[in-house]
Amino acid sequence: MVIANIHQAKTHLSKLIEQAEAGEEVVIARNGKPVVRLTAVEQPADEPRRPDGLPAWMGSLKDQIWIAPNFDDYDAEIAEMFEQSKLFPWEENGP
């Protein structure tokens, strides 16, 4: 275990980080009393990829979702409802 006071930690932070990454326990003390433990962050495993480079989960719903051919066609009735509605219906003066 490596114990360093705050001044030493500021001066030798890079070295202490390398030691923590190597698996050593690094403790930073104030006035001789341990106050902080410096530990390495575990890196997440690489996400599995498809042969085209995209994440493996992409395309998992292929052939399970259907979008109507007229999905984005203009609908005058819906457009009118948006255009005629008030932004804040509880206010008397509209937009």
Protein backbone atom coordinates (compact mmCIF):
# COMPACT_ATOMS: atom_id res chain seq x y z
CA MET A 1 0.00 0.00 0.00
CA VAL A 2 1.24 3.47 -0.92
CA ILE A 3 0.43 6.33 1.45
CA ALA A 4 1.09 9.89 0.31
CA ASN A 5 0.28 13.19 1.95
CA ILE A 6 -1.61 15.82 -0.02
CA HIS A 7 1.54 17.72 -1.02
CA GLN A 8 3.20 14.53 -2.29
CA ALA A 9 0.01 13.57 -4.12
CA LYS A 10 -0.10 16.92 -5.93
CA THR A 11 3.57 16.69 -6.82
CA HIS A 12 3.56 13.03 -7.92
CA LEU A 13 -0.04 12.56 -9.10
CA SER A 14 0.91 10.92 -12.41
CA LYS A 15 3.09 8.35 -10.62
CA LEU A 16 0.35 7.63 -8.07
CA ILE A 17 -2.19 7.17 -10.87
CA GLU A 18 0.11 4.69 -12.61
CA GLN A 19 0.47 2.76 -9.36
CA ALA A 20 -3.31 2.67 -8.88
CA GLU A 21 -3.77 1.50 -12.46
CA ALA A 22 -1.26 -1.28 -11.77
CA GLY A 23 -3.48 -2.48 -8.94
CA GLU A 24 -1.65 -1.00 -5.96
CA GLU A 25 -3.70 0.55 -3.20
CA VAL A 26 -2.93 4.27 -3.03
CA VAL A 27 -4.11 6.29 -0.04
CA ILE A 28 -3.84 10.05 0.32
CA ALA A 29 -3.55 11.35 3.87
CA ARG A 30 -4.05 14.72 5.53
CA ASN A 31 -1.95 15.32 8.64
CA GLY A 32 -1.04 11.63 8.68
CA LYS A 33 -4.65 10.43 8.64
CA PRO A 34 -5.97 8.59 5.54
CA VAL A 35 -8.74 10.56 3.84
CA VAL A 36 -8.92 9.35 0.23
CA ARG A 37 -8.29 6.10 -1.62
CA LEU A 38 -7.11 6.39 -5.23
CA THR A 39 -8.37 3.50 -7.34
CA ALA A 40 -8.41 2.72 -11.03
CA VAL A 41 -11.73 2.80 -12.86
CA GLU A 42 -12.64 -0.49 -14.46
CA GLN A 43 -12.99 -0.03 -18.18
CA PRO A 44 -16.19 -1.47 -19.67
CA ALA A 45 -15.78 -4.38 -22.02
CA ASP A 46 -15.92 -3.47 -25.68
CA GLU A 47 -19.42 -3.63 -27.05
CA PRO A 48 -19.93 -6.53 -29.47
CA ARG A 49 -20.03 -5.35 -33.08
CA ARG A 50 -21.60 -6.57 -36.29
CA PRO A 51 -19.38 -7.17 -39.33
CA ASP A 52 -20.36 -3.73 -40.69
CA GLY A 53 -19.02 -2.06 -37.51
CA LEU A 54 -22.37 -1.14 -35.96
CA PRO A 55 -23.25 -2.26 -32.42
CA ALA A 56 -24.61 -5.82 -32.33
CA TRP A 57 -27.97 -4.73 -30.90
CA MET A 58 -28.73 -2.55 -33.93
CA GLY A 59 -31.05 -4.36 -36.28
CA SER A 60 -32.30 -6.75 -33.62
CA LEU A 61 -35.91 -5.73 -34.38
CA LYS A 62 -35.58 -6.22 -38.13
CA ASP A 63 -38.81 -7.59 -39.64
CA GLN A 64 -40.62 -7.04 -36.31
CA ILE A 65 -41.62 -3.41 -36.87
CA TRP A 66 -43.76 -2.17 -39.73
CA ILE A 67 -44.28 1.45 -40.73
CA ALA A 68 -47.23 2.27 -42.97
CA PRO A 69 -46.28 3.56 -46.43
CA ASN A 70 -48.36 6.72 -45.85
CA PHE A 71 -46.83 7.37 -42.40
CA ASP A 72 -45.47 10.81 -43.25
CA ASP A 73 -48.15 11.92 -45.71
CA TYR A 74 -49.64 15.36 -45.10
CA ASP A 75 -52.93 15.23 -43.17
CA ALA A 76 -54.91 18.46 -43.48
CA GLU A 77 -57.16 17.67 -40.50
CA ILE A 78 -54.23 17.13 -38.14
CA ALA A 79 -52.40 20.18 -39.51
CA GLU A 80 -55.47 22.32 -38.88
CA MET A 81 -55.75 21.04 -35.30
CA PHE A 82 -52.15 22.12 -34.66
CA GLU A 83 -52.56 25.47 -36.39
CA GLN A 84 -55.83 26.37 -34.64
CA SER A 85 -54.84 25.23 -31.15
CA LYS A 86 -53.69 27.63 -28.49
CA LEU A 87 -50.22 27.16 -27.11
CA PHE A 88 -51.47 27.63 -23.55
CA PRO A 89 -55.23 26.91 -23.56
CA TRP A 90 -55.73 28.39 -20.08
CA GLU A 91 -54.63 31.82 -21.36
CA GLU A 92 -57.20 33.95 -23.16
CA ASN A 93 -54.81 35.44 -25.70
CA GLY A 94 -53.49 32.79 -28.08
CA PRO A 95 -50.13 32.73 -29.76
